[in-house]
């Protein structure tokens, strides 16, 4: 790792950016060194995304200076940034599913035999060389829509390298990857560092920055609060910089008195997906659901909520057998479902905070078929205060909120329905450590009120830290069940891998 002025590829000085009612960035400095991984940390709403959009040319700054190789530069749009060697890989990939990997990598820049005729052989050869440099086995002619998430990510990296990227921004690159895929990504990052690429790495998984980071910058409320060398800092110090306070208890679990049975499932099955699922969930109880990707966790949640049909089995709500054929039927029975994909399944991004909050409760908030604006406003104001949603007001469109605040709006939506059974699928995915603690505290409050919670999570510490009881899924079946007292990471992982003998040991 080099640490001199000559090694700085890109630097920002005093960057400011405001939106109506919000100061997104207030005098932020950042220096990116070649051959380094620079981790960017901050709570949701701290300004990370805005800063990256300015670097990638998607957003214009209001004030401040951008320097590339020590010389002032203007980035007048994404194409301008790309031409200067700046690439960005967003959480939602910018790929065309029906095109091949090679076609995506060189989209708009394909080698041609003649005007209007693409040289397919040269295209695939060039793509193959780039993919080979990354050490990944992807056929250039493979259709992108048929690739795994990890493979699609490598296509994005190859696309950036095809533009001779000297700066590469990676936004939550591991959020949907398996442990093996994460290791492969880290190996790719090491190769990029060796080539002298300056990488910006944004992640809410704190442990990752110590695995691959060289330098870390922390933003809070749009301000730069510190830059540290990774080897000279600690996780408690970084958390303190992020949230402005110590988080003594990362998982503030509080036991709640258990009440009557809220949900019971017997012999639930869906061909090829779920097999003989059975469990009970009581009022005031938090039951965690663990398992590897593809184990059937989300499929179980969707089946319970009526989003996917079931082929057999029985579902009891508050002791009575019920048929849940649709999400509307589930809502009417007092169930709520916080999906893992908040942007596409949990929210209507073009609607306001108030409209999203009240959407599932239109019937309850209406009178004679007409919505009551005053009542909607009252309910929304209460949820904004209760969940501490950072928004200029109830009429702000949720697309303009940070990820953590979008997640809180999804929570607000289900709290407004007064559901007494809540299914949380990855409730803290993609949100910062401070917002995570707030959601854990909300889970405690809901359980104390008698709400029954089924919490699906791919993060073992979260499952272990917040559950009263834990179900582990493997290949569409419940492979293990543990009380909080008897559960350990080793037992959960053994069950998740289908090693039932080890799990019980």
Protein backbone atom coordinates (compact mmCIF):
# COMPACT_ATOMS: atom_id res chain seq x y z
CA UNK A 1 0.00 0.00 0.00
CA UNK A 2 1.37 3.37 -1.02
CA UNK A 3 0.66 6.58 0.83
CA UNK A 4 1.95 9.60 -1.05
CA UNK A 5 0.52 12.48 -3.05
CA UNK A 6 1.85 10.84 -6.23
CA UNK A 7 -0.31 7.77 -5.57
CA UNK A 8 -3.58 9.73 -5.45
CA UNK A 9 -5.66 9.07 -8.57
CA UNK A 10 -8.70 11.14 -7.64
CA UNK A 11 -9.40 13.55 -4.82
CA UNK A 12 -12.40 15.56 -3.69
CA UNK A 13 -12.16 18.76 -1.68
CA UNK A 14 -14.98 20.52 0.13
CA UNK A 15 -17.77 18.81 -1.83
CA UNK A 16 -21.24 20.18 -1.13
CA UNK A 17 -24.62 19.03 -2.42
CA UNK A 18 -28.12 20.03 -1.32
CA UNK A 19 -31.61 18.92 -2.24
CA UNK A 20 -34.84 20.66 -1.21
CA UNK A 21 -34.92 20.46 2.57
CA UNK A 22 -31.81 18.27 2.82
CA UNK A 23 -28.06 18.97 2.89
CA UNK A 24 -26.71 15.70 1.49
CA UNK A 25 -23.00 16.62 1.60
CA UNK A 26 -21.38 19.40 3.58
CA UNK A 27 -17.71 20.01 2.77
CA UNK A 28 -16.59 16.41 2.20
CA UNK A 29 -12.96 15.52 1.39
CA UNK A 30 -11.84 12.16 -0.05
CA UNK A 31 -8.59 10.92 -1.62
CA UNK A 32 -8.37 7.65 -3.59
CA UNK A 33 -4.96 5.99 -3.96
CA UNK A 34 -4.02 3.61 -6.76
CA UNK A 35 -3.76 -0.04 -5.72
CA UNK A 36 -5.90 0.49 -2.60
CA UNK A 37 -9.33 -0.51 -1.36
CA UNK A 38 -10.89 2.57 0.22
CA UNK A 39 -13.92 1.60 2.30
CA UNK A 40 -16.70 4.18 2.64
CA UNK A 41 -18.77 3.87 5.82
CA UNK A 42 -21.74 5.75 7.21
CA UNK A 43 -25.29 5.30 8.37
CA UNK A 44 -28.05 5.38 5.78
CA UNK A 45 -28.54 9.01 4.82
CA UNK A 46 -24.92 9.88 5.64
CA UNK A 47 -24.24 10.89 2.04
CA UNK A 48 -22.36 7.86 0.65
CA UNK A 49 -24.58 7.35 -2.40
CA UNK A 50 -24.62 11.05 -3.26
CA UNK A 51 -20.84 11.22 -3.06
CA UNK A 52 -20.47 8.20 -5.35
CA UNK A 53 -22.94 9.67 -7.84
CA UNK A 54 -20.82 12.84 -7.97
CA UNK A 55 -17.64 10.81 -8.56
CA UNK A 56 -19.33 8.77 -11.32
CA UNK A 57 -20.75 11.87 -13.02
CA UNK A 58 -24.41 11.02 -12.37
CA UNK A 59 -24.96 14.07 -10.11
CA UNK A 60 -23.40 17.54 -10.28
CA UNK A 61 -21.89 19.01 -7.11
CA UNK A 62 -23.01 22.41 -5.82
CA UNK A 63 -19.56 23.40 -4.59
CA UNK A 64 -16.09 21.98 -4.05
CA UNK A 65 -13.31 20.69 -6.27
CA UNK A 66 -12.57 17.41 -8.08
CA UNK A 67 -8.99 16.61 -9.03
CA UNK A 68 -7.81 13.74 -11.25
CA UNK A 69 -4.05 13.09 -11.10
CA UNK A 70 -3.73 16.37 -9.22
CA UNK A 71 -5.42 18.50 -11.88
CA UNK A 72 -8.90 20.10 -11.56
CA UNK A 73 -11.56 18.20 -13.51
CA UNK A 74 -15.21 18.60 -14.41
CA UNK A 75 -17.36 15.47 -14.70
CA UNK A 76 -20.25 16.47 -16.93
CA UNK A 77 -22.00 13.10 -16.94
CA UNK A 78 -21.44 9.32 -16.62
CA UNK A 79 -19.85 9.10 -20.10
CA UNK A 80 -17.39 11.83 -19.17
CA UNK A 81 -16.51 9.97 -15.94
CA UNK A 82 -16.05 6.69 -17.86
CA UNK A 83 -13.80 8.42 -20.37
CA UNK A 84 -11.62 9.51 -17.44
CA UNK A 85 -11.38 5.95 -16.11
CA UNK A 86 -14.09 6.00 -13.43
CA UNK A 87 -16.44 3.02 -13.23
CA UNK A 88 -19.23 2.13 -10.81
CA UNK A 89 -21.04 -1.13 -10.08
CA UNK A 90 -24.38 -0.50 -8.42
CA UNK A 91 -26.30 -2.98 -6.26
CA UNK A 92 -28.84 -3.24 -9.08
CA UNK A 93 -26.69 -4.23 -12.02
CA UNK A 94 -26.79 -2.20 -15.24
CA UNK A 95 -26.93 -5.21 -17.57
CA UNK A 96 -29.29 -6.26 -20.36
CA UNK A 97 -30.46 -9.81 -19.47
CA UNK A 98 -31.13 -11.11 -23.00
CA UNK A 99 -27.69 -10.10 -24.34
CA UNK A 100 -24.52 -12.16 -23.92
CA UNK A 101 -21.72 -11.38 -21.50
CA UNK A 102 -19.57 -10.14 -24.39
CA UNK A 103 -22.35 -7.94 -25.77
CA UNK A 104 -22.92 -6.39 -22.34
CA UNK A 105 -19.22 -5.75 -21.77
CA UNK A 106 -18.78 -3.86 -25.04
CA UNK A 107 -22.30 -2.47 -25.45
CA UNK A 108 -22.14 0.49 -27.84
CA UNK A 109 -18.41 -0.11 -28.48
CA UNK A 110 -18.53 -3.41 -30.37
CA UNK A 111 -15.77 -4.17 -32.91
CA UNK A 112 -17.24 -4.07 -36.42
CA UNK A 113 -16.49 -5.72 -39.73
CA UNK A 114 -18.38 -2.96 -41.53
CA UNK A 115 -20.92 -0.30 -40.59
CA UNK A 116 -23.81 -2.06 -38.86
CA UNK A 117 -22.05 -5.48 -38.79
CA UNK A 118 -20.55 -6.61 -35.47
CA UNK A 119 -17.39 -8.73 -35.54
CA UNK A 120 -18.67 -11.48 -33.23
CA UNK A 121 -15.37 -13.37 -33.19
CA UNK A 122 -13.37 -10.30 -32.15
CA UNK A 123 -16.08 -9.33 -29.65
CA UNK A 124 -15.98 -12.68 -27.89
CA UNK A 125 -12.20 -12.89 -27.98
CA UNK A 126 -11.85 -9.46 -26.34
CA UNK A 127 -14.46 -10.34 -23.70
CA UNK A 128 -12.75 -13.68 -23.07
CA UNK A 129 -9.42 -11.94 -22.42
CA UNK A 130 -11.00 -9.57 -19.87
CA UNK A 131 -12.85 -12.36 -18.08
CA UNK A 132 -9.67 -14.44 -18.08
CA UNK A 133 -7.74 -11.60 -16.45
CA UNK A 134 -10.32 -11.66 -13.66
CA UNK A 135 -9.81 -15.40 -13.18
CA UNK A 136 -13.46 -16.27 -13.76
CA UNK A 137 -14.85 -19.07 -15.91
CA UNK A 138 -17.64 -17.34 -17.82
CA UNK A 139 -18.27 -18.05 -21.48
CA UNK A 140 -18.35 -14.75 -23.43
CA UNK A 141 -21.36 -16.08 -25.35
CA UNK A 142 -23.38 -16.89 -22.21
CA UNK A 143 -26.69 -15.05 -21.92
CA UNK A 144 -26.42 -12.74 -18.90
CA UNK A 145 -29.95 -13.43 -17.65
CA UNK A 146 -28.96 -17.08 -17.13
CA UNK A 147 -25.86 -16.27 -15.06
CA UNK A 148 -25.73 -16.26 -11.26
CA UNK A 149 -25.63 -12.96 -9.37
CA UNK A 150 -21.91 -13.43 -8.72
CA UNK A 151 -21.24 -14.09 -12.42
CA UNK A 152 -23.25 -11.03 -13.44
CA UNK A 153 -21.14 -9.01 -11.03
CA UNK A 154 -17.98 -10.23 -12.75
CA UNK A 155 -19.46 -9.15 -16.10
CA UNK A 156 -19.92 -5.68 -14.60
CA UNK A 157 -16.28 -5.67 -13.44
CA UNK A 158 -15.11 -6.78 -16.89
CA UNK A 159 -17.19 -4.00 -18.45
CA UNK A 160 -15.46 -1.45 -16.22
CA UNK A 161 -12.03 -2.84 -17.13
CA UNK A 162 -12.92 -2.65 -20.82
CA UNK A 163 -13.21 1.11 -20.26
CA UNK A 164 -9.69 1.15 -18.74
CA UNK A 165 -11.11 1.97 -15.33
CA UNK A 166 -8.56 3.43 -12.93
CA UNK A 167 -11.19 4.02 -10.23
CA UNK A 168 -13.85 1.37 -9.57
CA UNK A 169 -16.71 1.91 -7.12
CA UNK A 170 -18.43 -1.20 -5.72
CA UNK A 171 -21.73 -0.60 -3.90
CA UNK A 172 -22.75 -3.44 -1.53
CA UNK A 173 -21.08 -6.04 -3.79
CA UNK A 174 -21.61 -9.00 -1.42
CA UNK A 175 -25.24 -8.40 -0.43
CA UNK A 176 -26.57 -11.33 -2.51
CA UNK A 177 -23.50 -13.59 -2.64
CA UNK A 178 -22.75 -16.90 -0.94
CA UNK A 179 -19.65 -17.29 1.25
CA UNK A 180 -17.77 -19.03 -1.59
CA UNK A 181 -18.75 -16.31 -4.05
CA UNK A 182 -17.57 -13.65 -1.59
CA UNK A 183 -14.16 -15.34 -1.40
CA UNK A 184 -13.98 -15.36 -5.21
CA UNK A 185 -14.91 -11.66 -5.31
CA UNK A 186 -12.19 -10.83 -2.78
CA UNK A 187 -9.67 -12.70 -4.97
CA UNK A 188 -10.79 -10.58 -7.94
CA UNK A 189 -10.40 -7.41 -5.87
CA UNK A 190 -6.84 -8.47 -5.00
CA UNK A 191 -6.10 -8.81 -8.74
CA UNK A 192 -7.53 -5.35 -9.41
CA UNK A 193 -5.36 -3.86 -6.65
CA UNK A 194 -2.31 -5.50 -8.18
CA UNK A 195 -3.14 -3.75 -11.47
CA UNK A 196 -3.13 -0.41 -9.65
CA UNK A 197 -6.89 0.17 -9.69
CA UNK A 198 -8.22 2.41 -6.91
CA UNK A 199 -11.33 0.77 -5.46
CA UNK A 200 -14.10 2.34 -3.41
CA UNK A 201 -15.93 -0.32 -1.42
CA UNK A 202 -19.29 0.40 0.22
CA UNK A 203 -20.68 -2.24 2.58
CA UNK A 204 -22.65 -2.48 5.79
CA UNK A 205 -20.89 -5.73 6.66
CA UNK A 206 -18.30 -4.34 9.02
CA UNK A 207 -16.23 -7.51 9.15
CA UNK A 208 -15.54 -7.27 5.40
CA UNK A 209 -13.63 -4.01 5.60
CA UNK A 210 -11.00 -5.60 7.85
CA UNK A 211 -10.67 -8.49 5.39
CA UNK A 212 -10.00 -6.43 2.26
CA UNK A 213 -9.76 -2.71 3.13
CA UNK A 214 -6.63 -0.56 3.24
CA UNK A 215 -8.18 2.78 4.20
CA UNK A 216 -11.61 3.79 5.51
CA UNK A 217 -13.51 7.08 5.43
CA UNK A 218 -16.55 7.64 7.64
CA UNK A 219 -19.38 10.05 6.78
CA UNK A 220 -22.05 11.19 9.23
CA UNK A 221 -24.97 13.49 8.37
CA UNK A 222 -23.28 14.51 5.12
CA UNK A 223 -19.97 15.42 6.77
CA UNK A 224 -16.54 13.81 6.71
CA UNK A 225 -15.82 12.73 10.30
CA UNK A 226 -12.64 10.74 9.81
CA UNK A 227 -10.29 8.76 7.57
CA UNK A 228 -8.20 5.95 9.03
CA UNK A 229 -5.79 3.29 7.85
CA UNK A 230 -7.54 -0.02 8.48
CA UNK A 231 -4.53 -1.43 10.30
CA UNK A 232 -4.65 1.49 12.75
CA UNK A 233 -8.33 1.37 13.72
CA UNK A 234 -10.85 -0.91 15.39
CA UNK A 235 -14.48 -1.76 14.81
CA UNK A 236 -15.67 0.02 18.02
CA UNK A 237 -13.89 3.21 16.92
CA UNK A 238 -15.51 3.08 13.47
CA UNK A 239 -18.96 2.45 14.93
CA UNK A 240 -18.46 5.41 17.26
CA UNK A 241 -17.51 7.63 14.30
CA UNK A 242 -20.53 6.43 12.29
CA UNK A 243 -23.24 6.91 14.89
CA UNK A 244 -21.66 9.45 17.23
CA UNK A 245 -22.09 7.13 20.20
CA UNK A 246 -21.03 3.73 21.51
CA UNK A 247 -23.19 0.72 20.68
CA UNK A 248 -22.59 -1.39 23.76
CA UNK A 249 -25.03 -4.08 22.72
CA UNK A 250 -25.21 -4.87 19.02
CA UNK A 251 -28.16 -7.23 19.53
CA UNK A 252 -30.30 -5.72 22.34
CA UNK A 253 -32.59 -8.73 22.68
CA UNK A 254 -35.25 -8.45 25.39
CA UNK A 255 -37.32 -11.45 26.40
CA UNK A 256 -41.09 -10.98 26.09
CA UNK A 257 -43.79 -13.08 27.76
CA UNK A 258 -45.06 -15.74 25.36
CA UNK A 259 -48.77 -15.82 24.69
CA UNK A 260 -51.19 -17.99 22.79
CA UNK A 261 -50.47 -19.68 19.49
CA UNK A 262 -50.50 -17.13 16.67
CA UNK A 263 -49.52 -19.27 13.69
CA UNK A 264 -49.21 -23.02 13.16
CA UNK A 265 -48.10 -24.82 10.03
CA UNK A 266 -48.52 -28.55 9.40
CA UNK A 267 -47.15 -30.51 6.44
CA UNK A 268 -46.76 -27.48 4.18
CA UNK A 269 -45.44 -28.39 0.76
CA UNK A 270 -44.84 -26.89 -2.66
CA UNK A 271 -43.50 -29.18 -5.38
CA UNK A 272 -39.73 -28.92 -5.74
CA UNK A 273 -39.47 -26.11 -3.20
CA UNK A 274 -40.98 -26.91 0.23
CA UNK A 275 -41.31 -30.34 1.83
CA UNK A 276 -43.37 -31.20 4.92
CA UNK A 277 -42.83 -27.91 6.76
CA UNK A 278 -44.25 -27.73 10.27
CA UNK A 279 -43.76 -25.29 13.14
CA UNK A 280 -45.61 -23.15 15.68
CA UNK A 281 -45.22 -19.43 16.39
CA UNK A 282 -46.61 -17.87 19.58
CA UNK A 283 -47.55 -14.30 20.44
CA UNK A 284 -44.53 -12.36 21.75
CA UNK A 285 -42.11 -14.85 20.22
CA UNK A 286 -39.32 -14.18 17.72
CA UNK A 287 -38.56 -17.31 15.71
CA UNK A 288 -35.48 -17.00 13.53
CA UNK A 289 -35.17 -18.87 10.24
CA UNK A 290 -31.62 -19.63 9.10
CA UNK A 291 -30.30 -21.50 6.08
CA UNK A 292 -28.08 -21.11 3.07
CA UNK A 293 -29.17 -19.36 -0.13
CA UNK A 294 -31.63 -21.63 -1.95
CA UNK A 295 -32.67 -23.49 1.19
CA UNK A 296 -36.32 -22.37 0.83
CA UNK A 297 -36.44 -19.59 3.44
CA UNK A 298 -37.97 -16.91 1.21
CA UNK A 299 -40.19 -19.49 -0.52
CA UNK A 300 -41.62 -20.38 2.89
CA UNK A 301 -42.38 -16.74 3.63
CA UNK A 302 -44.08 -16.25 0.26
CA UNK A 303 -46.18 -19.38 0.70
CA UNK A 304 -47.34 -18.31 4.17
CA UNK A 305 -48.31 -14.88 2.83
CA UNK A 306 -50.26 -16.25 -0.13
CA UNK A 307 -47.82 -14.87 -2.72
CA UNK A 308 -47.07 -18.40 -3.99
CA UNK A 309 -49.54 -21.29 -4.13
CA UNK A 310 -49.04 -24.37 -1.97
CA UNK A 311 -49.68 -27.95 -3.02
CA UNK A 312 -50.68 -29.21 0.40
CA UNK A 313 -50.55 -28.74 4.14
CA UNK A 314 -52.51 -26.77 6.70
CA UNK A 315 -52.11 -23.22 8.06
CA UNK A 316 -53.72 -22.20 11.36
CA UNK A 317 -54.02 -18.53 12.35
CA UNK A 318 -54.92 -17.93 16.00
CA UNK A 319 -55.96 -21.58 16.30
CA UNK A 320 -58.29 -21.67 13.27
CA UNK A 321 -57.41 -23.38 10.01
CA UNK A 322 -57.29 -20.85 7.19
CA UNK A 323 -56.81 -20.83 3.44
CA UNK A 324 -54.42 -18.08 2.41
CA UNK A 325 -54.76 -17.85 -1.36
CA UNK A 326 -53.47 -14.29 -1.82
CA UNK A 327 -51.57 -11.52 -0.03
CA UNK A 328 -54.87 -9.68 0.44
CA UNK A 329 -56.26 -12.68 2.30
CA UNK A 330 -53.11 -12.78 4.47
CA UNK A 331 -53.42 -9.08 5.31
CA UNK A 332 -57.09 -9.54 6.22
CA UNK A 333 -56.04 -12.33 8.62
CA UNK A 334 -53.52 -10.06 10.36
CA UNK A 335 -50.30 -11.10 8.62
CA UNK A 336 -47.63 -8.73 7.32
CA UNK A 337 -44.64 -9.53 5.11
CA UNK A 338 -41.50 -7.41 4.94
CA UNK A 339 -39.85 -8.72 1.77
CA UNK A 340 -36.10 -9.01 1.20
CA UNK A 341 -36.37 -6.82 -1.92
CA UNK A 342 -37.81 -3.59 -0.59
CA UNK A 343 -37.38 -1.61 -3.82
CA UNK A 344 -39.25 -3.95 -6.13
CA UNK A 345 -41.64 -5.77 -3.78
CA UNK A 346 -41.94 -3.70 -0.61
CA UNK A 347 -42.46 -0.15 -1.87
CA UNK A 348 -43.92 1.88 -4.70
CA UNK A 349 -40.88 4.10 -5.20
CA UNK A 350 -42.72 6.84 -7.07
CA UNK A 351 -45.23 7.33 -4.24
CA UNK A 352 -44.70 9.36 -1.09
CA UNK A 353 -43.87 8.21 2.42
CA UNK A 354 -47.50 8.79 3.38
CA UNK A 355 -48.93 6.91 0.39
CA UNK A 356 -46.67 3.91 0.99
CA UNK A 357 -47.38 3.90 4.72
CA UNK A 358 -51.13 3.82 4.19
CA UNK A 359 -51.27 1.62 1.08
CA UNK A 360 -52.18 -1.77 2.68
CA UNK A 361 -54.63 -0.07 5.07
CA UNK A 362 -56.73 1.78 2.50
CA UNK A 363 -59.89 -0.01 3.63
CA UNK A 364 -59.35 0.75 7.32
CA UNK A 365 -58.45 4.38 6.63
CA UNK A 366 -61.39 5.01 4.29
CA UNK A 367 -64.93 6.07 4.99
CA UNK A 368 -67.69 5.27 2.52
CA UNK A 369 -65.02 4.39 -0.03
CA UNK A 370 -63.19 7.72 0.30
CA UNK A 371 -59.76 8.23 1.82
CA UNK A 372 -59.53 10.57 4.80
CA UNK A 373 -56.46 12.83 4.29
CA UNK A 374 -56.40 14.06 7.88
CA UNK A 375 -56.39 10.52 9.25
CA UNK A 376 -53.69 9.45 6.76
CA UNK A 377 -51.54 12.40 7.81
CA UNK A 378 -52.02 11.60 11.50
CA UNK A 379 -51.06 7.93 11.06
CA UNK A 380 -48.02 8.79 8.92
CA UNK A 381 -46.77 11.45 11.32
CA UNK A 382 -46.99 8.92 14.16
CA UNK A 383 -45.00 6.33 12.20
CA UNK A 384 -42.33 8.85 11.14
CA UNK A 385 -41.81 9.84 14.77
CA UNK A 386 -41.99 6.27 16.10
CA UNK A 387 -39.48 4.87 13.60
CA UNK A 388 -37.36 8.03 13.36
CA UNK A 389 -37.66 8.12 9.59
CA UNK A 390 -35.36 10.78 8.14
CA UNK A 391 -37.48 12.59 5.57
CA UNK A 392 -38.20 16.26 4.79
CA UNK A 393 -41.88 15.42 5.23
CA UNK A 394 -44.63 12.84 4.65
CA UNK A 395 -45.00 13.84 1.00
CA UNK A 396 -41.37 13.09 0.09
CA UNK A 397 -41.18 10.34 -2.55
CA UNK A 398 -39.56 7.23 -1.06
CA UNK A 399 -37.24 6.88 -4.05
CA UNK A 400 -35.37 9.89 -2.63
CA UNK A 401 -34.79 8.31 0.79
CA UNK A 402 -31.74 6.31 1.86
CA UNK A 403 -31.96 2.52 1.99
CA UNK A 404 -32.36 2.40 5.77
CA UNK A 405 -35.16 4.95 5.73
CA UNK A 406 -36.87 3.12 2.88
CA UNK A 407 -36.77 0.00 5.06
CA UNK A 408 -38.37 1.94 7.89
CA UNK A 409 -41.19 3.02 5.54
CA UNK A 410 -41.84 -0.67 4.77
CA UNK A 411 -42.02 -1.30 8.51
CA UNK A 412 -44.34 1.67 8.91
CA UNK A 413 -46.64 0.17 6.29
CA UNK A 414 -47.05 -3.08 8.19
CA UNK A 415 -47.31 -1.41 11.60
CA UNK A 416 -50.21 0.62 10.21
CA UNK A 417 -52.09 -2.59 9.36
CA UNK A 418 -51.72 -3.58 13.05
CA UNK A 419 -50.70 -7.08 11.93
CA UNK A 420 -50.21 -9.50 14.81
CA UNK A 421 -48.03 -11.92 12.80
CA UNK A 422 -45.08 -10.32 11.01
CA UNK A 423 -42.78 -12.14 8.60
CA UNK A 424 -39.45 -10.32 8.27
CA UNK A 425 -37.27 -11.50 5.37
CA UNK A 426 -33.75 -10.04 5.76
CA UNK A 427 -35.02 -7.09 7.86
CA UNK A 428 -31.60 -5.39 8.09
CA UNK A 429 -30.12 -6.16 4.65
CA UNK A 430 -28.26 -3.18 3.22
CA UNK A 431 -28.68 -0.88 6.22
CA UNK A 432 -26.08 0.51 8.57
CA UNK A 433 -25.19 -0.62 12.06
CA UNK A 434 -27.06 2.21 13.80
CA UNK A 435 -30.29 1.59 11.85
CA UNK A 436 -29.93 -2.14 12.55
CA UNK A 437 -30.00 -1.53 16.29
CA UNK A 438 -33.11 0.63 15.87
CA UNK A 439 -34.85 -2.20 14.00
CA UNK A 440 -33.81 -4.71 16.67
CA UNK A 441 -35.27 -2.42 19.32
CA UNK A 442 -38.47 -2.21 17.29
CA UNK A 443 -38.61 -6.02 17.15
CA UNK A 444 -38.35 -6.03 20.95
CA UNK A 445 -41.20 -3.52 21.21
CA UNK A 446 -43.40 -5.51 18.83
CA UNK A 447 -42.77 -8.73 20.73
CA UNK A 448 -43.56 -6.98 24.02
CA UNK A 449 -46.94 -5.96 22.54
CA UNK A 450 -47.68 -9.58 21.70
CA UNK A 451 -46.77 -9.55 18.01
CA UNK A 452 -45.49 -12.89 16.70
CA UNK A 453 -42.42 -12.51 14.49
CA UNK A 454 -40.88 -14.92 11.99
CA UNK A 455 -37.45 -13.47 11.17
CA UNK A 456 -35.54 -14.82 8.17
CA UNK A 457 -31.89 -13.81 7.99
CA UNK A 458 -28.71 -14.92 6.26
CA UNK A 459 -26.63 -13.35 9.05
CA UNK A 460 -26.03 -15.95 11.77
CA UNK A 461 -25.11 -13.37 14.47
CA UNK A 462 -28.47 -11.67 13.87
CA UNK A 463 -30.41 -14.92 14.12
CA UNK A 464 -28.52 -15.96 17.24
CA UNK A 465 -28.74 -12.53 18.83
CA UNK A 466 -32.45 -11.77 18.32
CA UNK A 467 -34.32 -15.11 18.31
CA UNK A 468 -36.13 -16.97 21.07
CA UNK A 469 -36.08 -20.10 18.93
CA UNK A 470 -34.38 -20.92 15.62
CA UNK A 471 -35.47 -23.06 12.68
CA UNK A 472 -32.79 -24.06 10.17
CA UNK A 473 -33.76 -24.92 6.59
CA UNK A 474 -31.95 -27.15 4.12
CA UNK A 475 -33.21 -28.21 0.68
CA UNK A 476 -36.74 -27.02 1.40
CA UNK A 477 -37.03 -28.81 4.73
CA UNK A 478 -36.62 -27.84 8.37
CA UNK A 479 -33.33 -29.55 9.17
CA UNK A 480 -33.00 -28.38 12.75
CA UNK A 481 -34.76 -26.53 15.56
CA UNK A 482 -32.96 -24.95 18.50
CA UNK A 483 -33.78 -22.83 21.51
CA UNK A 484 -31.75 -19.65 21.93
CA UNK A 485 -29.87 -21.28 24.80
CA UNK A 486 -28.74 -24.35 22.87
CA UNK A 487 -28.05 -22.71 19.49
CA UNK A 488 -24.45 -22.13 18.37
CA UNK A 489 -23.01 -21.01 15.01
CA UNK A 490 -21.55 -24.50 14.52
CA UNK A 491 -24.90 -26.23 15.10
CA UNK A 492 -26.77 -23.87 12.81
CA UNK A 493 -24.22 -24.22 10.02
CA UNK A 494 -24.19 -28.01 10.33
CA UNK A 495 -27.99 -28.10 10.02
CA UNK A 496 -27.90 -25.63 7.11
CA UNK A 497 -25.50 -27.99 5.31
CA UNK A 498 -27.79 -30.96 5.99
CA UNK A 499 -25.45 -32.58 8.50
CA UNK A 500 -28.15 -33.41 11.02
CA UNK A 501 -25.93 -35.60 13.18
CA UNK A 502 -23.45 -32.78 13.68
CA UNK A 503 -26.23 -30.26 14.26
CA UNK A 504 -27.65 -32.28 17.11
CA UNK A 505 -24.26 -32.87 18.71
